[in-house]
């Protein structure tokens, strides 16, 4: 990750604490960065961008030639995410799309080898079902807040843990967790 992107994340850390914005935060960002550094995905998608914090983490860790597609429902937040990605020096490797991921994903031509889902919790399973035809075999799918919102994510968690289409594990972060699932095809 570039110095410029790290600097932008530090600024965003201060802002999100002041405004009580629910970004993934430093600990989860470090974890995601390590996953990407290890797996070296070329095509990533983020469902739910908020102000672009996790997008900066993902895009900042992608290997040369890697691309990130961000999907954000709220047009105002999509604009802020795009501005923050530009300020972080990552505009050339990212694309921000405004819309409902369930409707946008089927029209994307790319196959993705990394995905982060961090949007409306009750819709995680629907996002995943829309995403599955676009996943490359071996793709990692990371879902945020799976411990805090476990009761809202029952269908999602049952699918990644028991469908036979994924190898999945929970990565704990204090009172919360991320579900990390490898798509088997």
N, C-alpha and C. Protein backbone atom coordinates (compact mmCIF):
# COMPACT_ATOMS: atom_id res chain seq x y z
N UNK A 1 0.84 -1.17 0.00
CA UNK A 1 0.00 0.00 0.00
C UNK A 1 0.89 1.24 0.00
N UNK A 2 0.50 2.23 -0.76
CA UNK A 2 1.30 3.44 -0.88
C UNK A 2 1.20 4.31 0.38
N UNK A 3 2.16 5.18 0.52
CA UNK A 3 2.17 6.12 1.64
C UNK A 3 0.92 7.01 1.59
N UNK A 4 0.54 7.41 0.38
CA UNK A 4 -0.63 8.26 0.19
C UNK A 4 -1.92 7.56 0.66
N UNK A 5 -2.06 6.29 0.33
CA UNK A 5 -3.24 5.53 0.75
C UNK A 5 -3.25 5.34 2.27
N UNK A 6 -2.08 5.04 2.86
CA UNK A 6 -2.01 4.89 4.32
C UNK A 6 -2.37 6.20 5.02
N UNK A 7 -1.90 7.31 4.47
CA UNK A 7 -2.21 8.62 5.03
C UNK A 7 -3.72 8.89 4.97
N UNK A 8 -4.33 8.52 3.87
CA UNK A 8 -5.78 8.71 3.72
C UNK A 8 -6.54 7.88 4.75
N UNK A 9 -6.10 6.64 4.98
CA UNK A 9 -6.76 5.80 5.99
C UNK A 9 -6.64 6.41 7.38
N UNK A 10 -5.49 6.99 7.69
CA UNK A 10 -5.32 7.64 9.01
C UNK A 10 -6.31 8.81 9.16
N UNK A 11 -6.44 9.61 8.09
CA UNK A 11 -7.40 10.72 8.13
C UNK A 11 -8.82 10.19 8.31
N UNK A 12 -9.14 9.12 7.60
CA UNK A 12 -10.48 8.55 7.68
C UNK A 12 -10.74 7.94 9.06
N UNK A 13 -9.72 7.38 9.69
CA UNK A 13 -9.87 6.86 11.05
C UNK A 13 -10.33 7.97 11.99
N UNK A 14 -9.70 9.13 11.88
CA UNK A 14 -10.08 10.26 12.74
C UNK A 14 -11.52 10.71 12.45
N UNK A 15 -11.86 10.81 11.19
CA UNK A 15 -13.20 11.27 10.81
C UNK A 15 -14.27 10.28 11.25
N UNK A 16 -14.03 9.01 11.01
CA UNK A 16 -15.06 8.02 11.34
C UNK A 16 -15.30 7.91 12.84
N UNK A 17 -14.26 8.12 13.63
CA UNK A 17 -14.45 8.13 15.09
C UNK A 17 -15.30 9.34 15.50
N UNK A 18 -15.02 10.50 14.92
CA UNK A 18 -15.77 11.71 15.25
C UNK A 18 -17.23 11.62 14.82
N UNK A 19 -17.45 11.02 13.66
CA UNK A 19 -18.81 10.96 13.10
C UNK A 19 -19.51 9.64 13.41
N UNK A 20 -18.85 8.75 14.12
CA UNK A 20 -19.41 7.44 14.47
C UNK A 20 -19.85 6.65 13.23
N UNK A 21 -19.01 6.65 12.22
CA UNK A 21 -19.30 5.88 11.00
C UNK A 21 -18.79 4.46 11.16
N UNK A 22 -19.57 3.48 10.75
CA UNK A 22 -19.20 2.07 10.96
C UNK A 22 -18.30 1.50 9.87
N UNK A 23 -17.05 1.91 9.84
CA UNK A 23 -16.10 1.31 8.90
C UNK A 23 -15.53 0.03 9.50
N UNK A 24 -14.77 -0.72 8.72
CA UNK A 24 -14.21 -1.97 9.22
C UNK A 24 -13.15 -1.74 10.29
N UNK A 25 -12.51 -0.58 10.30
CA UNK A 25 -11.50 -0.27 11.31
C UNK A 25 -10.15 -0.91 11.03
N UNK A 26 -9.18 -0.52 11.82
CA UNK A 26 -7.78 -0.91 11.60
C UNK A 26 -7.52 -2.41 11.69
N UNK A 27 -8.05 -3.07 12.73
CA UNK A 27 -7.75 -4.49 12.93
C UNK A 27 -8.26 -5.34 11.76
N UNK A 28 -9.49 -5.11 11.36
CA UNK A 28 -10.04 -5.85 10.22
C UNK A 28 -9.35 -5.44 8.92
N UNK A 29 -9.00 -4.17 8.80
CA UNK A 29 -8.29 -3.71 7.60
C UNK A 29 -6.95 -4.43 7.46
N UNK A 30 -6.23 -4.58 8.55
CA UNK A 30 -4.95 -5.30 8.53
C UNK A 30 -5.17 -6.74 8.10
N UNK A 31 -6.21 -7.37 8.63
CA UNK A 31 -6.53 -8.76 8.28
C UNK A 31 -6.83 -8.88 6.78
N UNK A 32 -7.68 -8.00 6.27
CA UNK A 32 -8.02 -8.03 4.84
C UNK A 32 -6.79 -7.78 3.99
N UNK A 33 -5.97 -6.83 4.38
CA UNK A 33 -4.73 -6.56 3.64
C UNK A 33 -3.84 -7.79 3.56
N UNK A 34 -3.73 -8.51 4.66
CA UNK A 34 -2.91 -9.73 4.67
C UNK A 34 -3.51 -10.82 3.78
N UNK A 35 -4.83 -10.96 3.81
CA UNK A 35 -5.49 -11.93 2.92
C UNK A 35 -5.18 -11.62 1.45
N UNK A 36 -5.30 -10.36 1.10
CA UNK A 36 -5.06 -9.95 -0.29
C UNK A 36 -3.59 -10.11 -0.65
N UNK A 37 -2.69 -9.73 0.25
CA UNK A 37 -1.26 -9.90 -0.01
C UNK A 37 -0.92 -11.37 -0.25
N UNK A 38 -1.55 -12.26 0.50
CA UNK A 38 -1.27 -13.69 0.39
C UNK A 38 -1.89 -14.29 -0.88
N UNK A 39 -3.15 -13.94 -1.17
CA UNK A 39 -3.88 -14.54 -2.29
C UNK A 39 -3.62 -13.86 -3.63
N UNK A 40 -3.27 -12.58 -3.61
CA UNK A 40 -2.98 -11.78 -4.81
C UNK A 40 -4.09 -11.82 -5.86
N UNK A 41 -5.32 -11.49 -5.46
CA UNK A 41 -6.42 -11.49 -6.42
C UNK A 41 -6.25 -10.38 -7.46
N UNK A 42 -6.73 -10.63 -8.65
CA UNK A 42 -6.65 -9.63 -9.73
C UNK A 42 -7.93 -8.82 -9.86
N UNK A 43 -9.06 -9.44 -9.55
CA UNK A 43 -10.36 -8.78 -9.68
C UNK A 43 -11.12 -8.92 -8.36
N UNK A 44 -11.45 -7.77 -7.78
CA UNK A 44 -12.14 -7.76 -6.49
C UNK A 44 -13.43 -6.95 -6.61
N UNK A 45 -14.38 -7.28 -5.75
CA UNK A 45 -15.63 -6.53 -5.69
C UNK A 45 -15.96 -6.27 -4.22
N UNK A 46 -16.47 -5.09 -3.98
CA UNK A 46 -16.90 -4.71 -2.64
C UNK A 46 -18.38 -4.36 -2.71
N UNK A 47 -19.16 -5.00 -1.88
CA UNK A 47 -20.60 -4.73 -1.82
C UNK A 47 -20.85 -3.94 -0.54
N UNK A 48 -21.14 -2.65 -0.72
CA UNK A 48 -21.31 -1.73 0.40
C UNK A 48 -20.02 -0.98 0.65
N UNK A 49 -19.92 0.24 0.14
CA UNK A 49 -18.66 0.99 0.22
C UNK A 49 -18.64 2.06 1.30
N UNK A 50 -19.80 2.49 1.74
CA UNK A 50 -19.90 3.60 2.68
C UNK A 50 -19.05 4.76 2.16
N UNK A 51 -17.96 5.12 2.83
CA UNK A 51 -17.14 6.25 2.38
C UNK A 51 -15.83 5.81 1.73
N UNK A 52 -15.67 4.51 1.52
CA UNK A 52 -14.51 4.02 0.79
C UNK A 52 -13.35 3.52 1.62
N UNK A 53 -13.52 3.39 2.92
CA UNK A 53 -12.42 2.95 3.79
C UNK A 53 -11.91 1.57 3.38
N UNK A 54 -12.79 0.59 3.36
CA UNK A 54 -12.35 -0.76 3.00
C UNK A 54 -11.94 -0.84 1.53
N UNK A 55 -12.52 0.00 0.69
CA UNK A 55 -12.11 0.04 -0.72
C UNK A 55 -10.65 0.46 -0.84
N UNK A 56 -10.23 1.42 -0.04
CA UNK A 56 -8.83 1.85 -0.05
C UNK A 56 -7.94 0.71 0.41
N UNK A 57 -8.37 -0.02 1.43
CA UNK A 57 -7.59 -1.16 1.91
C UNK A 57 -7.45 -2.20 0.80
N UNK A 58 -8.56 -2.57 0.19
CA UNK A 58 -8.54 -3.61 -0.85
C UNK A 58 -7.71 -3.16 -2.04
N UNK A 59 -8.04 -2.01 -2.60
CA UNK A 59 -7.33 -1.52 -3.80
C UNK A 59 -5.86 -1.29 -3.50
N UNK A 60 -5.56 -0.83 -2.30
CA UNK A 60 -4.18 -0.56 -1.93
C UNK A 60 -3.32 -1.81 -1.82
N UNK A 61 -3.95 -2.95 -1.63
CA UNK A 61 -3.20 -4.21 -1.50
C UNK A 61 -3.25 -5.08 -2.76
N UNK A 62 -4.06 -4.71 -3.73
CA UNK A 62 -4.12 -5.52 -4.96
C UNK A 62 -2.78 -5.50 -5.67
N UNK A 63 -2.43 -6.59 -6.33
CA UNK A 63 -1.17 -6.62 -7.08
C UNK A 63 -1.25 -5.72 -8.31
N UNK A 64 -0.12 -5.42 -8.94
CA UNK A 64 -0.15 -4.61 -10.17
C UNK A 64 -1.14 -5.20 -11.17
N UNK A 65 -1.94 -4.33 -11.76
CA UNK A 65 -2.95 -4.76 -12.71
C UNK A 65 -4.26 -5.16 -12.07
N UNK A 66 -4.31 -5.22 -10.74
CA UNK A 66 -5.55 -5.58 -10.04
C UNK A 66 -6.57 -4.47 -10.12
N UNK A 67 -7.85 -4.85 -10.12
CA UNK A 67 -8.94 -3.88 -10.21
C UNK A 67 -10.01 -4.19 -9.16
N UNK A 68 -10.59 -3.14 -8.61
CA UNK A 68 -11.66 -3.25 -7.62
C UNK A 68 -12.91 -2.58 -8.16
N UNK A 69 -14.03 -3.28 -8.09
CA UNK A 69 -15.33 -2.71 -8.40
C UNK A 69 -16.08 -2.54 -7.08
N UNK A 70 -16.50 -1.32 -6.79
CA UNK A 70 -17.25 -1.02 -5.57
C UNK A 70 -18.71 -0.79 -5.95
N UNK A 71 -19.62 -1.38 -5.20
CA UNK A 71 -21.04 -1.18 -5.44
C UNK A 71 -21.65 -0.59 -4.17
N UNK A 72 -22.21 0.62 -4.30
CA UNK A 72 -22.81 1.33 -3.17
C UNK A 72 -24.20 1.80 -3.58
N UNK A 73 -25.18 1.49 -2.77
CA UNK A 73 -26.57 1.84 -3.06
C UNK A 73 -26.83 3.35 -2.97
N UNK A 74 -26.26 4.00 -1.98
CA UNK A 74 -26.51 5.41 -1.72
C UNK A 74 -25.65 6.29 -2.64
N UNK A 75 -26.26 7.11 -3.51
CA UNK A 75 -25.47 7.91 -4.46
C UNK A 75 -24.51 8.89 -3.77
N UNK A 76 -24.94 9.48 -2.66
CA UNK A 76 -24.09 10.42 -1.94
C UNK A 76 -22.85 9.71 -1.39
N UNK A 77 -23.05 8.54 -0.77
CA UNK A 77 -21.92 7.78 -0.24
C UNK A 77 -21.01 7.28 -1.36
N UNK A 78 -21.59 6.89 -2.49
CA UNK A 78 -20.79 6.45 -3.63
C UNK A 78 -19.88 7.58 -4.11
N UNK A 79 -20.41 8.80 -4.14
CA UNK A 79 -19.62 9.96 -4.56
C UNK A 79 -18.47 10.20 -3.56
N UNK A 80 -18.76 10.11 -2.28
CA UNK A 80 -17.71 10.31 -1.26
C UNK A 80 -16.65 9.21 -1.38
N UNK A 81 -17.08 7.97 -1.56
CA UNK A 81 -16.12 6.86 -1.71
C UNK A 81 -15.21 7.11 -2.91
N UNK A 82 -15.80 7.55 -4.01
CA UNK A 82 -15.01 7.83 -5.22
C UNK A 82 -14.00 8.95 -4.97
N UNK A 83 -14.43 10.00 -4.28
CA UNK A 83 -13.52 11.11 -3.95
C UNK A 83 -12.39 10.63 -3.04
N UNK A 84 -12.71 9.81 -2.06
CA UNK A 84 -11.68 9.30 -1.15
C UNK A 84 -10.70 8.37 -1.86
N UNK A 85 -11.19 7.55 -2.77
CA UNK A 85 -10.29 6.69 -3.56
C UNK A 85 -9.36 7.53 -4.43
N UNK A 86 -9.88 8.61 -4.99
CA UNK A 86 -9.04 9.52 -5.78
C UNK A 86 -7.99 10.18 -4.90
N UNK A 87 -8.41 10.66 -3.73
CA UNK A 87 -7.47 11.30 -2.80
C UNK A 87 -6.39 10.33 -2.34
N UNK A 88 -6.72 9.04 -2.28
CA UNK A 88 -5.74 8.02 -1.88
C UNK A 88 -4.86 7.58 -3.04
N UNK A 89 -5.10 8.13 -4.23
CA UNK A 89 -4.30 7.77 -5.40
C UNK A 89 -4.67 6.44 -6.03
N UNK A 90 -5.91 6.00 -5.81
CA UNK A 90 -6.32 4.67 -6.27
C UNK A 90 -7.43 4.70 -7.32
N UNK A 91 -7.71 5.86 -7.88
CA UNK A 91 -8.82 5.98 -8.84
C UNK A 91 -8.61 5.13 -10.09
N UNK A 92 -7.37 4.95 -10.52
CA UNK A 92 -7.12 4.20 -11.76
C UNK A 92 -7.33 2.70 -11.61
N UNK A 93 -7.38 2.21 -10.40
CA UNK A 93 -7.58 0.77 -10.20
C UNK A 93 -8.94 0.44 -9.59
N UNK A 94 -9.82 1.46 -9.52
CA UNK A 94 -11.14 1.24 -8.93
C UNK A 94 -12.25 1.78 -9.82
N UNK A 95 -13.42 1.22 -9.64
CA UNK A 95 -14.63 1.72 -10.29
C UNK A 95 -15.73 1.68 -9.23
N UNK A 96 -16.44 2.78 -9.06
CA UNK A 96 -17.54 2.85 -8.11
C UNK A 96 -18.84 2.89 -8.89
N UNK A 97 -19.72 1.95 -8.59
CA UNK A 97 -21.02 1.87 -9.24
C UNK A 97 -22.09 2.15 -8.20
N UNK A 98 -23.02 3.04 -8.55
CA UNK A 98 -24.14 3.32 -7.67
C UNK A 98 -25.29 2.41 -8.06
N UNK A 99 -25.79 1.64 -7.10
CA UNK A 99 -26.93 0.77 -7.38
C UNK A 99 -27.04 -0.34 -6.36
N UNK A 100 -28.10 -1.13 -6.52
CA UNK A 100 -28.36 -2.28 -5.67
C UNK A 100 -27.52 -3.44 -6.19
N UNK A 101 -26.64 -3.96 -5.37
CA UNK A 101 -25.71 -5.01 -5.80
C UNK A 101 -26.44 -6.22 -6.36
N UNK A 102 -27.61 -6.51 -5.85
CA UNK A 102 -28.37 -7.67 -6.34
C UNK A 102 -28.76 -7.50 -7.81
N UNK A 103 -28.90 -6.25 -8.23
CA UNK A 103 -29.28 -5.97 -9.61
C UNK A 103 -28.07 -5.63 -10.49
N UNK A 104 -27.02 -5.13 -9.88
CA UNK A 104 -25.82 -4.74 -10.63
C UNK A 104 -24.95 -5.95 -10.97
N UNK A 105 -24.74 -6.83 -10.00
CA UNK A 105 -23.80 -7.96 -10.17
C UNK A 105 -24.05 -8.81 -11.42
N UNK A 106 -25.29 -9.15 -11.76
CA UNK A 106 -25.49 -9.99 -12.94
C UNK A 106 -25.01 -9.37 -14.25
N UNK A 107 -24.84 -8.05 -14.26
CA UNK A 107 -24.44 -7.37 -15.49
C UNK A 107 -22.95 -7.06 -15.57
N UNK A 108 -22.21 -7.43 -14.55
CA UNK A 108 -20.76 -7.21 -14.57
C UNK A 108 -20.10 -8.35 -15.34
N UNK A 109 -19.21 -8.01 -16.25
CA UNK A 109 -18.57 -9.02 -17.08
C UNK A 109 -17.44 -9.77 -16.41
N UNK A 110 -16.93 -9.22 -15.35
CA UNK A 110 -15.74 -9.80 -14.71
C UNK A 110 -16.07 -11.04 -13.90
N UNK A 111 -15.06 -11.88 -13.74
CA UNK A 111 -15.06 -12.95 -12.73
C UNK A 111 -14.21 -12.42 -11.60
N UNK A 112 -14.71 -12.52 -10.39
CA UNK A 112 -14.01 -11.97 -9.24
C UNK A 112 -13.33 -13.08 -8.45
N UNK A 113 -12.12 -12.77 -7.94
CA UNK A 113 -11.44 -13.73 -7.09
C UNK A 113 -11.31 -13.25 -5.65
N UNK A 114 -11.94 -12.10 -5.35
CA UNK A 114 -12.04 -11.62 -3.97
C UNK A 114 -13.30 -10.77 -3.87
N UNK A 115 -14.03 -10.94 -2.77
CA UNK A 115 -15.23 -10.13 -2.53
C UNK A 115 -15.34 -9.80 -1.05
N UNK A 116 -15.75 -8.57 -0.77
CA UNK A 116 -16.08 -8.16 0.59
C UNK A 116 -17.55 -7.75 0.60
N UNK A 117 -18.31 -8.35 1.50
CA UNK A 117 -19.72 -8.00 1.66
C UNK A 117 -19.86 -7.29 3.01
N UNK A 118 -20.29 -6.02 2.95
CA UNK A 118 -20.47 -5.22 4.16
C UNK A 118 -21.55 -4.18 3.88
N UNK A 119 -22.77 -4.64 3.72
CA UNK A 119 -23.89 -3.77 3.38
C UNK A 119 -25.08 -4.17 4.26
N UNK A 120 -26.28 -4.04 3.76
CA UNK A 120 -27.48 -4.38 4.53
C UNK A 120 -27.43 -5.84 4.95
N UNK A 121 -27.38 -6.07 6.25
CA UNK A 121 -27.11 -7.41 6.78
C UNK A 121 -28.14 -8.44 6.33
N UNK A 122 -29.42 -8.06 6.34
CA UNK A 122 -30.48 -9.00 5.97
C UNK A 122 -30.39 -9.43 4.50
N UNK A 123 -29.59 -8.75 3.72
CA UNK A 123 -29.49 -9.04 2.29
C UNK A 123 -28.20 -9.77 1.91
N UNK A 124 -27.35 -10.13 2.87
CA UNK A 124 -26.09 -10.81 2.55
C UNK A 124 -26.30 -12.05 1.68
N UNK A 125 -27.27 -12.87 2.03
CA UNK A 125 -27.49 -14.11 1.27
C UNK A 125 -27.90 -13.78 -0.17
N UNK A 126 -28.75 -12.78 -0.34
CA UNK A 126 -29.15 -12.37 -1.69
C UNK A 126 -27.96 -11.82 -2.47
N UNK A 127 -27.11 -11.05 -1.82
CA UNK A 127 -25.91 -10.55 -2.49
C UNK A 127 -25.04 -11.73 -2.95
N UNK A 128 -24.87 -12.69 -2.05
CA UNK A 128 -24.03 -13.84 -2.38
C UNK A 128 -24.60 -14.61 -3.56
N UNK A 129 -25.91 -14.82 -3.57
CA UNK A 129 -26.54 -15.56 -4.68
C UNK A 129 -26.35 -14.81 -6.00
N UNK A 130 -26.40 -13.49 -5.98
CA UNK A 130 -26.16 -12.70 -7.20
C UNK A 130 -24.69 -12.73 -7.59
N UNK A 131 -23.82 -12.85 -6.60
CA UNK A 131 -22.37 -12.85 -6.83
C UNK A 131 -21.85 -14.19 -7.32
N UNK A 132 -22.43 -15.29 -6.88
CA UNK A 132 -21.89 -16.62 -7.18
C UNK A 132 -21.59 -16.87 -8.66
N UNK A 133 -22.47 -16.50 -9.60
CA UNK A 133 -22.13 -16.73 -11.01
C UNK A 133 -20.91 -15.93 -11.50
N UNK A 134 -20.53 -14.91 -10.74
CA UNK A 134 -19.39 -14.06 -11.10
C UNK A 134 -18.12 -14.44 -10.36
N UNK A 135 -18.17 -15.46 -9.49
CA UNK A 135 -17.00 -15.86 -8.71
C UNK A 135 -16.14 -16.85 -9.47
N UNK A 136 -14.84 -16.63 -9.44
CA UNK A 136 -13.88 -17.60 -9.98
C UNK A 136 -13.72 -18.72 -8.96
N UNK A 137 -13.42 -19.91 -9.44
CA UNK A 137 -13.15 -21.02 -8.52
C UNK A 137 -11.96 -20.62 -7.63
N UNK A 138 -12.10 -20.84 -6.33
CA UNK A 138 -11.06 -20.48 -5.37
C UNK A 138 -11.18 -19.07 -4.83
N UNK A 139 -12.16 -18.29 -5.31
CA UNK A 139 -12.34 -16.91 -4.84
C UNK A 139 -12.61 -16.88 -3.35
N UNK A 140 -12.10 -15.84 -2.71
CA UNK A 140 -12.41 -15.60 -1.29
C UNK A 140 -13.57 -14.62 -1.18
N UNK A 141 -14.53 -14.96 -0.33
CA UNK A 141 -15.64 -14.07 -0.02
C UNK A 141 -15.57 -13.78 1.48
N UNK A 142 -15.44 -12.51 1.82
CA UNK A 142 -15.34 -12.10 3.22
C UNK A 142 -16.61 -11.32 3.56
N UNK A 143 -17.30 -11.76 4.59
CA UNK A 143 -18.51 -11.08 5.06
C UNK A 143 -18.24 -10.47 6.43
N UNK A 144 -18.51 -9.18 6.56
CA UNK A 144 -18.24 -8.48 7.82
C UNK A 144 -19.43 -8.58 8.77
N UNK A 145 -19.14 -8.42 10.04
CA UNK A 145 -20.13 -8.32 11.13
C UNK A 145 -20.94 -9.59 11.36
N UNK A 146 -20.32 -10.73 11.13
CA UNK A 146 -21.06 -11.99 11.22
C UNK A 146 -21.32 -12.46 12.65
N UNK A 147 -20.65 -11.90 13.61
CA UNK A 147 -20.97 -12.24 15.00
C UNK A 147 -21.99 -11.23 15.56
N UNK A 148 -21.77 -9.96 15.29
CA UNK A 148 -22.70 -8.94 15.79
C UNK A 148 -24.12 -9.13 15.26
N UNK A 149 -24.22 -9.58 14.01
CA UNK A 149 -25.53 -9.69 13.36
C UNK A 149 -25.87 -11.14 13.00
N UNK A 150 -25.36 -12.07 13.77
CA UNK A 150 -25.55 -13.50 13.47
C UNK A 150 -27.02 -13.86 13.21
N UNK A 151 -27.93 -13.32 14.01
CA UNK A 151 -29.35 -13.68 13.85
C UNK A 151 -29.91 -13.19 12.51
N UNK A 152 -29.36 -12.13 11.97
CA UNK A 152 -29.82 -11.62 10.67
C UNK A 152 -29.14 -12.32 9.50
N UNK A 153 -28.09 -13.08 9.78
CA UNK A 153 -27.28 -13.69 8.72
C UNK A 153 -27.40 -15.21 8.69
N UNK A 154 -28.45 -15.75 9.27
CA UNK A 154 -28.59 -17.21 9.36
C UNK A 154 -28.53 -17.89 8.00
N UNK A 155 -29.28 -17.38 7.02
CA UNK A 155 -29.29 -18.00 5.68
C UNK A 155 -27.92 -17.92 5.03
N UNK A 156 -27.28 -16.77 5.15
CA UNK A 156 -25.95 -16.59 4.58
C UNK A 156 -24.97 -17.59 5.19
N UNK A 157 -24.92 -17.61 6.51
CA UNK A 157 -23.96 -18.48 7.20
C UNK A 157 -24.25 -19.96 6.95
N UNK A 158 -25.51 -20.34 6.91
CA UNK A 158 -25.86 -21.73 6.61
C UNK A 158 -25.37 -22.10 5.21
N UNK A 159 -25.51 -21.20 4.26
CA UNK A 159 -25.11 -21.48 2.88
C UNK A 159 -23.59 -21.67 2.76
N UNK A 160 -22.82 -20.74 3.31
CA UNK A 160 -21.36 -20.85 3.15
C UNK A 160 -20.78 -21.98 3.98
N UNK A 161 -21.47 -22.37 5.04
CA UNK A 161 -20.94 -23.42 5.92
C UNK A 161 -21.43 -24.82 5.56
N UNK A 162 -22.60 -24.92 4.90
CA UNK A 162 -23.16 -26.25 4.71
C UNK A 162 -23.57 -26.61 3.28
N UNK A 163 -23.44 -25.70 2.34
CA UNK A 163 -23.90 -25.99 0.97
C UNK A 163 -22.95 -26.90 0.20
N UNK A 164 -21.71 -27.02 0.68
CA UNK A 164 -20.71 -27.78 -0.05
C UNK A 164 -20.03 -26.98 -1.15
N UNK A 165 -20.44 -25.73 -1.31
CA UNK A 165 -19.86 -24.87 -2.35
C UNK A 165 -18.70 -24.02 -1.82
N UNK A 166 -18.50 -24.05 -0.50
CA UNK A 166 -17.48 -23.22 0.14
C UNK A 166 -16.75 -23.99 1.23
N UNK A 167 -15.52 -23.59 1.47
CA UNK A 167 -14.82 -23.89 2.72
C UNK A 167 -14.89 -22.59 3.49
N UNK A 168 -15.36 -22.62 4.73
CA UNK A 168 -15.64 -21.38 5.42
C UNK A 168 -15.19 -21.45 6.88
N UNK A 169 -14.75 -20.30 7.38
CA UNK A 169 -14.36 -20.22 8.79
C UNK A 169 -14.65 -18.82 9.30
N UNK A 170 -14.86 -18.74 10.59
CA UNK A 170 -15.09 -17.45 11.23
C UNK A 170 -13.78 -16.92 11.78
N UNK A 171 -13.49 -15.66 11.52
CA UNK A 171 -12.32 -14.99 12.06
C UNK A 171 -12.82 -13.96 13.07
N UNK A 172 -12.53 -14.20 14.35
CA UNK A 172 -13.03 -13.34 15.40
C UNK A 172 -12.24 -12.05 15.56
N UNK A 173 -12.97 -11.00 15.94
CA UNK A 173 -12.39 -9.69 16.25
C UNK A 173 -13.14 -9.16 17.47
N UNK A 174 -12.74 -9.59 18.65
CA UNK A 174 -13.43 -9.16 19.87
C UNK A 174 -14.87 -9.64 19.86
N UNK A 175 -15.81 -8.70 19.94
CA UNK A 175 -17.23 -9.05 19.96
C UNK A 175 -17.80 -9.32 18.57
N UNK A 176 -17.01 -9.09 17.55
CA UNK A 176 -17.48 -9.26 16.17
C UNK A 176 -16.64 -10.31 15.46
N UNK A 177 -16.99 -10.56 14.21
CA UNK A 177 -16.24 -11.53 13.40
C UNK A 177 -16.48 -11.27 11.92
N UNK A 178 -15.61 -11.86 11.12
CA UNK A 178 -15.79 -11.91 9.67
C UNK A 178 -15.84 -13.38 9.28
N UNK A 179 -16.70 -13.71 8.35
CA UNK A 179 -16.74 -15.06 7.79
C UNK A 179 -15.90 -15.04 6.52
N UNK A 180 -14.90 -15.90 6.47
CA UNK A 180 -14.00 -15.99 5.31
C UNK A 180 -14.29 -17.31 4.62
N UNK A 181 -14.76 -17.23 3.39
CA UNK A 181 -15.22 -18.41 2.66
C UNK A 181 -14.51 -18.52 1.32
N UNK A 182 -14.00 -19.72 1.03
CA UNK A 182 -13.36 -19.97 -0.27
C UNK A 182 -14.36 -20.70 -1.15
N UNK A 183 -14.63 -20.11 -2.31
CA UNK A 183 -15.60 -20.67 -3.25
C UNK A 183 -15.00 -21.87 -3.96
N UNK A 184 -15.68 -23.00 -3.87
CA UNK A 184 -15.19 -24.24 -4.48
C UNK A 184 -15.73 -24.45 -5.89
N UNK A 185 -16.72 -23.69 -6.26
CA UNK A 185 -17.28 -23.82 -7.61
C UNK A 185 -18.63 -24.46 -7.61
